[in-house]
Amino acid sequence: MIQKPEKRPWSKEELFEYLDYLQEYGEFSFYYLLVLTEEKQIGFNELVNKIKVLSGKKFTGKNIAGVLGGMSRRSLRKEKLVFRRDDGWIFLLNPKYSEIFESYFSDYNKSK
């Protein structure tokens, strides 16, 4: 049986670098993580609607598939940043990283 390599944790610097990258090149992904940081956990439709309000753009739920695919590719050997509970598609941040996200977005919101 082939054993999968253990996922490595994200450092604060790596997460900040990733979020800076998303701010510049991955708007939907950036808002996705911002909403999860603010809401702690949220249903699928509420998540998409909140992203629309924050961005002022018309996004659809299909965007989430791309976001999750992009995160998976980028974090192939890293721990998951986001979890999905199967009881009604409820999304939440990996609690291990919530304080780092909160500090990043606190600074982001102050600069707006």
PDB file of N, CA and C in Angstrom:
ATOM      1  N   MET A   1       0.845  -1.192   0.000  1.00  0.00           N
ATOM      2  CA  MET A   1       0.000   0.000   0.000  1.00  0.00           C
ATOM      3  C   MET A   1       0.887   1.251   0.000  1.00  0.00           C
ATOM      4  N   ILE A   2       0.548   2.182  -0.862  1.00  0.00           N
ATOM      5  CA  ILE A   2       1.319   3.422  -0.968  1.00  0.00           C
ATOM      6  C   ILE A   2       0.863   4.381   0.124  1.00  0.00           C
ATOM      7  N   GLN A   3       1.841   4.891   0.862  1.00  0.00           N
ATOM      8  CA  GLN A   3       1.534   5.816   1.940  1.00  0.00           C
ATOM      9  C   GLN A   3       1.660   7.244   1.429  1.00  0.00           C
ATOM     10  N   LYS A   4       0.629   8.042   1.670  1.00  0.00           N
ATOM     11  CA  LYS A   4       0.659   9.450   1.257  1.00  0.00           C
ATOM     12  C   LYS A   4       1.599  10.213   2.166  1.00  0.00           C
ATOM     13  N   PRO A   5       2.343  11.170   1.596  1.00  0.00           N
ATOM     14  CA  PRO A   5       3.219  11.974   2.453  1.00  0.00           C
ATOM     15  C   PRO A   5       2.388  12.817   3.423  1.00  0.00           C
ATOM     16  N   GLU A   6       2.921  13.019   4.599  1.00  0.00           N
ATOM     17  CA  GLU A   6       2.223  13.831   5.601  1.00  0.00           C
ATOM     18  C   GLU A   6       2.192  15.286   5.150  1.00  0.00           C
ATOM     19  N   LYS A   7       1.068  15.923   5.359  1.00  0.00           N
ATOM     20  CA  LYS A   7       0.915  17.332   4.974  1.00  0.00           C
ATOM     21  C   LYS A   7       1.673  18.219   5.956  1.00  0.00           C
ATOM     22  N   ARG A   8       2.348  19.223   5.414  1.00  0.00           N
ATOM     23  CA  ARG A   8       3.123  20.142   6.256  1.00  0.00           C
ATOM     24  C   ARG A   8       2.268  21.342   6.649  1.00  0.00           C
ATOM     25  N   PRO A   9       2.489  21.867   7.850  1.00  0.00           N
ATOM     26  CA  PRO A   9       1.745  23.069   8.252  1.00  0.00           C
ATOM     27  C   PRO A   9       2.228  24.301   7.482  1.00  0.00           C
ATOM     28  N   TRP A  10       1.364  25.298   7.396  1.00  0.00           N
ATOM     29  CA  TRP A  10       1.700  26.586   6.795  1.00  0.00           C
ATOM     30  C   TRP A  10       2.332  27.465   7.868  1.00  0.00           C
ATOM     31  N   SER A  11       3.362  28.171   7.503  1.00  0.00           N
ATOM     32  CA  SER A  11       3.903  29.174   8.420  1.00  0.00           C
ATOM     33  C   SER A  11       3.110  30.468   8.231  1.00  0.00           C
ATOM     34  N   LYS A  12       3.205  31.353   9.189  1.00  0.00           N
ATOM     35  CA  LYS A  12       2.516  32.649   9.083  1.00  0.00           C
ATOM     36  C   LYS A  12       2.989  33.399   7.836  1.00  0.00           C
ATOM     37  N   GLU A  13       4.275  33.357   7.584  1.00  0.00           N
ATOM     38  CA  GLU A  13       4.842  34.055   6.425  1.00  0.00           C
ATOM     39  C   GLU A  13       4.289  33.480   5.121  1.00  0.00           C
ATOM     40  N   GLU A  14       4.175  32.147   5.048  1.00  0.00           N
ATOM     41  CA  GLU A  14       3.636  31.522   3.838  1.00  0.00           C
ATOM     42  C   GLU A  14       2.182  31.910   3.615  1.00  0.00           C
ATOM     43  N   LEU A  15       1.399  31.942   4.695  1.00  0.00           N
ATOM     44  CA  LEU A  15      -0.010  32.325   4.562  1.00  0.00           C
ATOM     45  C   LEU A  15      -0.143  33.786   4.142  1.00  0.00           C
ATOM     46  N   PHE A  16       0.641  34.661   4.734  1.00  0.00           N
ATOM     47  CA  PHE A  16       0.589  36.072   4.358  1.00  0.00           C
ATOM     48  C   PHE A  16       0.998  36.245   2.890  1.00  0.00           C
ATOM     49  N   GLU A  17       2.020  35.532   2.469  1.00  0.00           N
ATOM     50  CA  GLU A  17       2.468  35.600   1.077  1.00  0.00           C
ATOM     51  C   GLU A  17       1.358  35.105   0.142  1.00  0.00           C
ATOM     52  N   TYR A  18       0.698  34.016   0.517  1.00  0.00           N
ATOM     53  CA  TYR A  18      -0.395  33.466  -0.283  1.00  0.00           C
ATOM     54  C   TYR A  18      -1.558  34.457  -0.370  1.00  0.00           C
ATOM     55  N   LEU A  19      -1.920  35.079   0.743  1.00  0.00           N
ATOM     56  CA  LEU A  19      -3.013  36.047   0.746  1.00  0.00           C
ATOM     57  C   LEU A  19      -2.660  37.302  -0.054  1.00  0.00           C
ATOM     58  N   ASP A  20      -1.404  37.741   0.015  1.00  0.00           N
ATOM     59  CA  ASP A  20      -0.958  38.864  -0.817  1.00  0.00           C
ATOM     60  C   ASP A  20      -1.106  38.516  -2.297  1.00  0.00           C
ATOM     61  N   TYR A  21      -0.725  37.295  -2.637  1.00  0.00           N
ATOM     62  CA  TYR A  21      -0.844  36.823  -4.020  1.00  0.00           C
ATOM     63  C   TYR A  21      -2.315  36.831  -4.444  1.00  0.00           C
ATOM     64  N   LEU A  22      -3.200  36.331  -3.581  1.00  0.00           N
ATOM     65  CA  LEU A  22      -4.623  36.291  -3.911  1.00  0.00           C
ATOM     66  C   LEU A  22      -5.207  37.687  -4.054  1.00  0.00           C
ATOM     67  N   GLN A  23      -4.751  38.617  -3.227  1.00  0.00           N
ATOM     68  CA  GLN A  23      -5.242  39.995  -3.335  1.00  0.00           C
ATOM     69  C   GLN A  23      -4.988  40.544  -4.722  1.00  0.00           C
ATOM     70  N   GLU A  24      -3.843  40.164  -5.277  1.00  0.00           N
ATOM     71  CA  GLU A  24      -3.450  40.667  -6.589  1.00  0.00           C
ATOM     72  C   GLU A  24      -4.047  39.863  -7.743  1.00  0.00           C
ATOM     73  N   TYR A  25      -4.083  38.538  -7.594  1.00  0.00           N
ATOM     74  CA  TYR A  25      -4.411  37.694  -8.748  1.00  0.00           C
ATOM     75  C   TYR A  25      -5.616  36.770  -8.566  1.00  0.00           C
ATOM     76  N   GLY A  26      -6.157  36.665  -7.384  1.00  0.00           N
ATOM     77  CA  GLY A  26      -7.243  35.715  -7.161  1.00  0.00           C
ATOM     78  C   GLY A  26      -8.358  36.312  -6.341  1.00  0.00           C
ATOM     79  N   GLU A  27      -9.060  37.273  -6.925  1.00  0.00           N
ATOM     80  CA  GLU A  27     -10.043  38.068  -6.189  1.00  0.00           C
ATOM     81  C   GLU A  27     -11.095  37.198  -5.491  1.00  0.00           C
ATOM     82  N   PHE A  28     -11.694  36.254  -6.214  1.00  0.00           N
ATOM     83  CA  PHE A  28     -12.741  35.434  -5.608  1.00  0.00           C
ATOM     84  C   PHE A  28     -12.178  34.628  -4.443  1.00  0.00           C
ATOM     85  N   SER A  29     -11.001  34.048  -4.627  1.00  0.00           N
ATOM     86  CA  SER A  29     -10.367  33.259  -3.564  1.00  0.00           C
ATOM     87  C   SER A  29     -10.077  34.131  -2.345  1.00  0.00           C
ATOM     88  N   PHE A  30      -9.633  35.362  -2.595  1.00  0.00           N
ATOM     89  CA  PHE A  30      -9.329  36.285  -1.509  1.00  0.00           C
ATOM     90  C   PHE A  30     -10.589  36.571  -0.692  1.00  0.00           C
ATOM     91  N   TYR A  31     -11.685  36.900  -1.377  1.00  0.00           N
ATOM     92  CA  TYR A  31     -12.937  37.174  -0.674  1.00  0.00           C
ATOM     93  C   TYR A  31     -13.485  35.932   0.015  1.00  0.00           C
ATOM     94  N   TYR A  32     -13.285  34.783  -0.589  1.00  0.00           N
ATOM     95  CA  TYR A  32     -13.703  33.513   0.003  1.00  0.00           C
ATOM     96  C   TYR A  32     -13.073  33.339   1.386  1.00  0.00           C
ATOM     97  N   LEU A  33     -11.770  33.560   1.474  1.00  0.00           N
ATOM     98  CA  LEU A  33     -11.076  33.419   2.760  1.00  0.00           C
ATOM     99  C   LEU A  33     -11.444  34.550   3.713  1.00  0.00           C
ATOM    100  N   LEU A  34     -11.659  35.748   3.194  1.00  0.00           N
ATOM    101  CA  LEU A  34     -12.090  36.872   4.030  1.00  0.00           C
ATOM    102  C   LEU A  34     -13.438  36.560   4.682  1.00  0.00           C
ATOM    103  N   VAL A  35     -14.388  36.080   3.908  1.00  0.00           N
ATOM    104  CA  VAL A  35     -15.711  35.753   4.447  1.00  0.00           C
ATOM    105  C   VAL A  35     -15.603  34.656   5.497  1.00  0.00           C
ATOM    106  N   LEU A  36     -14.829  33.621   5.234  1.00  0.00           N
ATOM    107  CA  LEU A  36     -14.699  32.533   6.206  1.00  0.00           C
ATOM    108  C   LEU A  36     -14.023  33.014   7.485  1.00  0.00           C
ATOM    109  N   THR A  37     -13.129  33.963   7.367  1.00  0.00           N
ATOM    110  CA  THR A  37     -12.470  34.518   8.552  1.00  0.00           C
ATOM    111  C   THR A  37     -13.478  35.298   9.391  1.00  0.00           C
ATOM    112  N   GLU A  38     -14.349  36.049   8.734  1.00  0.00           N
ATOM    113  CA  GLU A  38     -15.337  36.858   9.455  1.00  0.00           C
ATOM    114  C   GLU A  38     -16.483  36.029  10.026  1.00  0.00           C
ATOM    115  N   GLU A  39     -16.926  35.030   9.274  1.00  0.00           N
ATOM    116  CA  GLU A  39     -18.132  34.292   9.646  1.00  0.00           C
ATOM    117  C   GLU A  39     -17.865  33.039  10.475  1.00  0.00           C
ATOM    118  N   LYS A  40     -16.664  32.551  10.474  1.00  0.00           N
ATOM    119  CA  LYS A  40     -16.264  31.303  11.166  1.00  0.00           C
ATOM    120  C   LYS A  40     -16.792  30.059  10.459  1.00  0.00           C
ATOM    121  N   GLN A  41     -18.078  30.001  10.151  1.00  0.00           N
ATOM    122  CA  GLN A  41     -18.600  28.954   9.293  1.00  0.00           C
ATOM    123  C   GLN A  41     -19.844  29.496   8.610  1.00  0.00           C
ATOM    124  N   ILE A  42     -20.059  29.038   7.374  1.00  0.00           N
ATOM    125  CA  ILE A  42     -21.130  29.627   6.580  1.00  0.00           C
ATOM    126  C   ILE A  42     -21.609  28.611   5.560  1.00  0.00           C
ATOM    127  N   GLY A  43     -22.898  28.681   5.232  1.00  0.00           N
ATOM    128  CA  GLY A  43     -23.474  27.813   4.218  1.00  0.00           C
ATOM    129  C   GLY A  43     -23.076  28.260   2.824  1.00  0.00           C
ATOM    130  N   PHE A  44     -23.239  27.368   1.869  1.00  0.00           N
ATOM    131  CA  PHE A  44     -22.812  27.596   0.491  1.00  0.00           C
ATOM    132  C   PHE A  44     -23.444  28.851  -0.116  1.00  0.00           C
ATOM    133  N   ASN A  45     -24.768  28.950  -0.097  1.00  0.00           N
ATOM    134  CA  ASN A  45     -25.439  30.093  -0.731  1.00  0.00           C
ATOM    135  C   ASN A  45     -25.095  31.404  -0.048  1.00  0.00           C
ATOM    136  N   GLU A  46     -25.025  31.381   1.274  1.00  0.00           N
ATOM    137  CA  GLU A  46     -24.669  32.593   2.014  1.00  0.00           C
ATOM    138  C   GLU A  46     -23.243  33.032   1.682  1.00  0.00           C
ATOM    139  N   LEU A  47     -22.367  32.057   1.526  1.00  0.00           N
ATOM    140  CA  LEU A  47     -20.973  32.356   1.182  1.00  0.00           C
ATOM    141  C   LEU A  47     -20.880  33.049  -0.168  1.00  0.00           C
ATOM    142  N   VAL A  48     -21.538  32.497  -1.175  1.00  0.00           N
ATOM    143  CA  VAL A  48     -21.502  33.088  -2.517  1.00  0.00           C
ATOM    144  C   VAL A  48     -22.120  34.486  -2.499  1.00  0.00           C
ATOM    145  N   ASN A  49     -23.250  34.650  -1.818  1.00  0.00           N
ATOM    146  CA  ASN A  49     -23.897  35.964  -1.762  1.00  0.00           C
ATOM    147  C   ASN A  49     -23.043  36.997  -1.048  1.00  0.00           C
ATOM    148  N   LYS A  50     -22.390  36.611   0.021  1.00  0.00           N
ATOM    149  CA  LYS A  50     -21.522  37.533   0.768  1.00  0.00           C
ATOM    150  C   LYS A  50     -20.337  37.977  -0.102  1.00  0.00           C
ATOM    151  N   ILE A  51     -19.782  37.048  -0.879  1.00  0.00           N
ATOM    152  CA  ILE A  51     -18.674  37.399  -1.779  1.00  0.00           C
ATOM    153  C   ILE A  51     -19.155  38.399  -2.833  1.00  0.00           C
ATOM    154  N   LYS A  52     -20.363  38.198  -3.347  1.00  0.00           N
ATOM    155  CA  LYS A  52     -20.921  39.142  -4.327  1.00  0.00           C
ATOM    156  C   LYS A  52     -21.033  40.545  -3.727  1.00  0.00           C
ATOM    157  N   VAL A  53     -21.529  40.620  -2.497  1.00  0.00           N
ATOM    158  CA  VAL A  53     -21.703  41.920  -1.835  1.00  0.00           C
ATOM    159  C   VAL A  53     -20.346  42.590  -1.612  1.00  0.00           C
ATOM    160  N   LEU A  54     -19.385  41.845  -1.080  1.00  0.00           N
ATOM    161  CA  LEU A  54     -18.070  42.416  -0.794  1.00  0.00           C
ATOM    162  C   LEU A  54     -17.336  42.870  -2.051  1.00  0.00           C
ATOM    163  N   SER A  55     -17.452  42.093  -3.107  1.00  0.00           N
ATOM    164  CA  SER A  55     -16.694  42.381  -4.326  1.00  0.00           C
ATOM    165  C   SER A  55     -17.414  43.361  -5.239  1.00  0.00           C
ATOM    166  N   GLY A  56     -18.759  43.413  -5.113  1.00  0.00           N
ATOM    167  CA  GLY A  56     -19.523  44.235  -6.038  1.00  0.00           C
ATOM    168  C   GLY A  56     -19.597  43.634  -7.422  1.00  0.00           C
ATOM    169  N   LYS A  57     -19.290  42.341  -7.547  1.00  0.00           N
ATOM    170  CA  LYS A  57     -19.290  41.661  -8.841  1.00  0.00           C
ATOM    171  C   LYS A  57     -20.214  40.459  -8.791  1.00  0.00           C
ATOM    172  N   LYS A  58     -20.592  40.004  -9.968  1.00  0.00           N
ATOM    173  CA  LYS A  58     -21.489  38.855 -10.039  1.00  0.00           C
ATOM    174  C   LYS A  58     -20.659  37.571 -10.170  1.00  0.00           C
ATOM    175  N   PHE A  59     -20.499  36.888  -9.062  1.00  0.00           N
ATOM    176  CA  PHE A  59     -19.839  35.595  -9.057  1.00  0.00           C
ATOM    177  C   PHE A  59     -20.905  34.526  -8.891  1.00  0.00           C
ATOM    178  N   THR A  60     -20.562  33.304  -9.239  1.00  0.00           N
ATOM    179  CA  THR A  60     -21.483  32.185  -9.061  1.00  0.00           C
ATOM    180  C   THR A  60     -20.844  31.126  -8.174  1.00  0.00           C
ATOM    181  N   GLY A  61     -21.637  30.161  -7.771  1.00  0.00           N
ATOM    182  CA  GLY A  61     -21.131  29.062  -6.968  1.00  0.00           C
ATOM    183  C   GLY A  61     -20.078  28.250  -7.693  1.00  0.00           C
ATOM    184  N   LYS A  62     -20.088  28.294  -9.036  1.00  0.00           N
ATOM    185  CA  LYS A  62     -19.082  27.536  -9.803  1.00  0.00           C
ATOM    186  C   LYS A  62     -17.674  28.038  -9.499  1.00  0.00           C
ATOM    187  N   ASN A  63     -17.554  29.295  -9.119  1.00  0.00           N
ATOM    188  CA  ASN A  63     -16.249  29.843  -8.785  1.00  0.00           C
ATOM    189  C   ASN A  63     -15.604  29.097  -7.628  1.00  0.00           C
ATOM    190  N   ILE A  64     -16.417  28.587  -6.710  1.00  0.00           N
ATOM    191  CA  ILE A  64     -15.865  27.899  -5.544  1.00  0.00           C
ATOM    192  C   ILE A  64     -15.104  26.647  -5.953  1.00  0.00           C
ATOM    193  N   ALA A  65     -15.582  25.941  -6.968  1.00  0.00           N
ATOM    194  CA  ALA A  65     -14.872  24.750  -7.439  1.00  0.00           C
ATOM    195  C   ALA A  65     -13.466  25.124  -7.894  1.00  0.00           C
ATOM    196  N   GLY A  66     -13.359  26.236  -8.603  1.00  0.00           N
ATOM    197  CA  GLY A  66     -12.043  26.691  -9.051  1.00  0.00           C
ATOM    198  C   GLY A  66     -11.156  27.093  -7.891  1.00  0.00           C
ATOM    199  N   VAL A  67     -11.747  27.752  -6.909  1.00  0.00           N
ATOM    200  CA  VAL A  67     -10.996  28.169  -5.719  1.00  0.00           C
ATOM    201  C   VAL A  67     -10.452  26.957  -4.989  1.00  0.00           C
ATOM    202  N   LEU A  68     -11.321  25.992  -4.741  1.00  0.00           N
ATOM    203  CA  LEU A  68     -10.884  24.808  -4.003  1.00  0.00           C
ATOM    204  C   LEU A  68      -9.864  24.017  -4.808  1.00  0.00           C
ATOM    205  N   GLY A  69     -10.040  23.955  -6.137  1.00  0.00           N
ATOM    206  CA  GLY A  69      -9.057  23.283  -6.984  1.00  0.00           C
ATOM    207  C   GLY A  69      -7.714  23.993  -6.937  1.00  0.00           C
ATOM    208  N   GLY A  70      -7.749  25.329  -6.973  1.00  0.00           N
ATOM    209  CA  GLY A  70      -6.512  26.110  -6.911  1.00  0.00           C
ATOM    210  C   GLY A  70      -5.807  25.942  -5.584  1.00  0.00           C
ATOM    211  N   MET A  71      -6.571  25.909  -4.509  1.00  0.00           N
ATOM    212  CA  MET A  71      -5.979  25.712  -3.190  1.00  0.00           C
ATOM    213  C   MET A  71      -5.354  24.329  -3.104  1.00  0.00           C
ATOM    214  N   SER A  72      -6.042  23.351  -3.679  1.00  0.00           N
ATOM    215  CA  SER A  72      -5.523  21.980  -3.625  1.00  0.00           C
ATOM    216  C   SER A  72      -4.198  21.877  -4.375  1.00  0.00           C
ATOM    217  N   ARG A  73      -4.155  22.494  -5.556  1.00  0.00           N
ATOM    218  CA  ARG A  73      -2.905  22.432  -6.324  1.00  0.00           C
ATOM    219  C   ARG A  73      -1.790  23.173  -5.602  1.00  0.00           C
ATOM    220  N   ARG A  74      -2.122  24.346  -5.097  1.00  0.00           N
ATOM    221  CA  ARG A  74      -1.104  25.172  -4.446  1.00  0.00           C
ATOM    222  C   ARG A  74      -0.634  24.534  -3.147  1.00  0.00           C
ATOM    223  N   SER A  75      -1.528  23.821  -2.485  1.00  0.00           N
ATOM    224  CA  SER A  75      -1.190  23.283  -1.171  1.00  0.00           C
ATOM    225  C   SER A  75      -1.084  21.759  -1.191  1.00  0.00           C
ATOM    226  N   LEU A  76      -0.606  21.221  -2.287  1.00  0.00           N
ATOM    227  CA  LEU A  76      -0.541  19.774  -2.455  1.00  0.00           C
ATOM    228  C   LEU A  76       0.124  19.084  -1.271  1.00  0.00           C
ATOM    229  N   ARG A  77       1.160  19.696  -0.747  1.00  0.00           N
ATOM    230  CA  ARG A  77       1.879  19.089   0.369  1.00  0.00           C
ATOM    231  C   ARG A  77       1.652  19.850   1.677  1.00  0.00           C
ATOM    232  N   LYS A  78       0.664  20.721   1.664  1.00  0.00           N
ATOM    233  CA  LYS A  78       0.361  21.537   2.846  1.00  0.00           C
ATOM    234  C   LYS A  78      -0.976  21.114   3.444  1.00  0.00           C
ATOM    235  N   GLU A  79      -1.163  21.476   4.701  1.00  0.00           N
ATOM    236  CA  GLU A  79      -2.430  21.190   5.371  1.00  0.00           C
ATOM    237  C   GLU A  79      -3.561  22.001   4.749  1.00  0.00           C
ATOM    238  N   LYS A  80      -4.764  21.493   4.846  1.00  0.00           N
ATOM    239  CA  LYS A  80      -5.930  22.201   4.311  1.00  0.00           C
ATOM    240  C   LYS A  80      -6.167  23.490   5.087  1.00  0.00           C
ATOM    241  N   LEU A  81      -6.521  24.540   4.351  1.00  0.00           N
ATOM    242  CA  LEU A  81      -6.862  25.822   4.969  1.00  0.00           C
ATOM    243  C   LEU A  81      -8.354  25.905   5.256  1.00  0.00           C
ATOM    244  N   VAL A  82      -9.143  25.170   4.492  1.00  0.00           N
ATOM    245  CA  VAL A  82     -10.594  25.246   4.584  1.00  0.00           C
ATOM    246  C   VAL A  82     -11.170  23.846   4.661  1.00  0.00           C
ATOM    247  N   PHE A  83     -12.174  23.679   5.499  1.00  0.00           N
ATOM    248  CA  PHE A  83     -12.883  22.402   5.594  1.00  0.00           C
ATOM    249  C   PHE A  83     -14.316  22.592   5.093  1.00  0.00           C
ATOM    250  N   ARG A  84     -14.894  21.514   4.631  1.00  0.00           N
ATOM    251  CA  ARG A  84     -16.309  21.521   4.280  1.00  0.00           C
ATOM    252  C   ARG A  84     -16.994  20.426   5.076  1.00  0.00           C
ATOM    253  N   ARG A  85     -17.988  20.822   5.836  1.00  0.00           N
ATOM    254  CA  ARG A  85     -18.797  19.824   6.537  1.00  0.00           C
ATOM    255  C   ARG A  85     -19.874  19.363   5.581  1.00  0.00           C
ATOM    256  N   ASP A  86     -20.103  18.084   5.525  1.00  0.00           N
ATOM    257  CA  ASP A  86     -21.027  17.548   4.528  1.00  0.00           C
ATOM    258  C   ASP A  86     -22.494  17.744   4.869  1.00  0.00           C
ATOM    259  N   ASP A  87     -22.800  18.176   6.056  1.00  0.00           N
ATOM    260  CA  ASP A  87     -24.215  18.380   6.392  1.00  0.00           C
ATOM    261  C   ASP A  87     -24.691  19.733   5.860  1.00  0.00           C
ATOM    262  N   GLY A  88     -24.947  19.774   4.573  1.00  0.00           N
ATOM    263  CA  GLY A  88     -25.474  20.983   3.959  1.00  0.00           C
ATOM    264  C   GLY A  88     -24.414  21.922   3.418  1.00  0.00           C
ATOM    265  N   TRP A  89     -23.255  21.428   3.100  1.00  0.00           N
ATOM    266  CA  TRP A  89     -22.188  22.243   2.523  1.00  0.00           C
ATOM    267  C   TRP A  89     -21.892  23.469   3.368  1.00  0.00           C
ATOM    268  N   ILE A  90     -21.413  23.244   4.541  1.00  0.00           N
ATOM    269  CA  ILE A  90     -21.025  24.332   5.421  1.00  0.00           C
ATOM    270  C   ILE A  90     -19.499  24.427   5.398  1.00  0.00           C
ATOM    271  N   PHE A  91     -19.004  25.623   5.111  1.00  0.00           N
ATOM    272  CA  PHE A  91     -17.566  25.853   4.983  1.00  0.00           C
ATOM    273  C   PHE A  91     -17.020  26.520   6.233  1.00  0.00           C
ATOM    274  N   LEU A  92     -15.805  26.143   6.615  1.00  0.00           N
ATOM    275  CA  LEU A  92     -15.140  26.782   7.747  1.00  0.00           C
ATOM    276  C   LEU A  92     -13.628  26.711   7.568  1.00  0.00           C
ATOM    277  N   LEU A  93     -12.949  27.665   8.186  1.00  0.00           N
ATOM    278  CA  LEU A  93     -11.487  27.682   8.154  1.00  0.00           C
ATOM    279  C   LEU A  93     -10.927  26.580   9.030  1.00  0.00           C
ATOM    280  N   ASN A  94      -9.748  26.133   8.682  1.00  0.00           N
ATOM    281  CA  ASN A  94      -9.006  25.252   9.566  1.00  0.00           C
ATOM    282  C   ASN A  94      -8.707  26.062  10.832  1.00  0.00           C
ATOM    283  N   PRO A  95      -9.247  25.642  11.985  1.00  0.00           N
ATOM    284  CA  PRO A  95      -9.073  26.442  13.222  1.00  0.00           C
ATOM    285  C   PRO A  95      -7.612  26.708  13.563  1.00  0.00           C
ATOM    286  N   LYS A  96      -6.739  25.837  13.121  1.00  0.00           N
ATOM    287  CA  LYS A  96      -5.311  25.993  13.403  1.00  0.00           C
ATOM    288  C   LYS A  96      -4.762  27.317  12.847  1.00  0.00           C
ATOM    289  N   TYR A  97      -5.378  27.816  11.775  1.00  0.00           N
ATOM    290  CA  TYR A  97      -4.866  29.013  11.111  1.00  0.00           C
ATOM    291  C   TYR A  97      -5.757  30.239  11.292  1.00  0.00           C
ATOM    292  N   SER A  98      -6.815  30.118  12.073  1.00  0.00           N
ATOM    293  CA  SER A  98      -7.780  31.216  12.149  1.00  0.00           C
ATOM    294  C   SER A  98      -7.162  32.504  12.711  1.00  0.00           C
ATOM    295  N   GLU A  99      -6.298  32.404  13.709  1.00  0.00           N
ATOM    296  CA  GLU A  99      -5.686  33.623  14.280  1.00  0.00           C
ATOM    297  C   GLU A  99      -4.799  34.331  13.253  1.00  0.00           C
ATOM    298  N   ILE A 100      -4.107  33.562  12.429  1.00  0.00           N
ATOM    299  CA  ILE A 100      -3.248  34.156  11.399  1.00  0.00           C
ATOM    300  C   ILE A 100      -4.107  34.888  10.374  1.00  0.00           C
ATOM    301  N   PHE A 101      -5.191  34.251   9.947  1.00  0.00           N
ATOM    302  CA  PHE A 101      -6.103  34.906   9.007  1.00  0.00           C
ATOM    303  C   PHE A 101      -6.698  36.166   9.624  1.00  0.00           C
ATOM    304  N   GLU A 102      -7.107  36.088  10.873  1.00  0.00           N
ATOM    305  CA  GLU A 102      -7.696  37.247  11.545  1.00  0.00           C
ATOM    306  C   GLU A 102      -6.707  38.408  11.607  1.00  0.00           C
ATOM    307  N   SER A 103      -5.445  38.131  11.904  1.00  0.00           N
ATOM    308  CA  SER A 103      -4.465  39.216  11.968  1.00  0.00           C
ATOM    309  C   SER A 103      -4.219  39.810  10.581  1.00  0.00           C
ATOM    310  N   TYR A 104      -4.198  38.976   9.557  1.00  0.00           N
ATOM    311  CA  TYR A 104      -3.989  39.470   8.191  1.00  0.00           C
ATOM    312  C   TYR A 104      -5.154  40.376   7.772  1.00  0.00           C
ATOM    313  N   PHE A 105      -6.369  39.883   7.941  1.00  0.00           N
ATOM    314  CA  PHE A 105      -7.526  40.645   7.480  1.00  0.00           C
ATOM    315  C   PHE A 105      -7.811  41.851   8.368  1.00  0.00           C
ATOM    316  N   SER A 106      -7.380  41.823   9.612  1.00  0.00           N
ATOM    317  CA  SER A 106      -7.494  42.995  10.465  1.00  0.00           C
ATOM    318  C   SER A 106      -6.664  44.131   9.871  1.00  0.00           C
ATOM    319  N   ASP A 107      -5.440  43.819   9.468  1.00  0.00           N
ATOM    320  CA  ASP A 107      -4.586  44.825   8.829  1.00  0.00           C
ATOM    321  C   ASP A 107      -5.161  45.250   7.483  1.00  0.00           C
ATOM    322  N   TYR A 108      -5.710  44.310   6.730  1.00  0.00           N
ATOM    323  CA  TYR A 108      -6.300  44.603   5.426  1.00  0.00           C
ATOM    324  C   TYR A 108      -7.481  45.572   5.588  1.00  0.00           C
ATOM    325  N   ASN A 109      -8.351  45.303   6.560  1.00  0.00           N
ATOM    326  CA  ASN A 109      -9.528  46.154   6.768  1.00  0.00           C
ATOM    327  C   ASN A 109      -9.144  47.545   7.256  1.00  0.00           C
ATOM    328  N   LYS A 110      -8.056  47.651   8.016  1.00  0.00           N
ATOM    329  CA  LYS A 110      -7.600  48.958   8.491  1.00  0.00           C
ATOM    330  C   LYS A 110      -7.085  49.808   7.334  1.00  0.00           C
ATOM    331  N   SER A 111      -6.503  49.154   6.323  1.00  0.00           N
ATOM    332  CA  SER A 111      -5.905  49.895   5.213  1.00  0.00           C
ATOM    333  C   SER A 111      -6.938  50.306   4.155  1.00  0.00           C
ATOM    334  N   LYS A 112      -8.165  49.838   4.288  1.00  0.00           N
ATOM    335  CA  LYS A 112      -9.207  50.173   3.293  1.00  0.00           C
ATOM    336  C   LYS A 112      -9.794  51.554   3.536  1.00  0.00           C
TER     337      LYS A 112
END
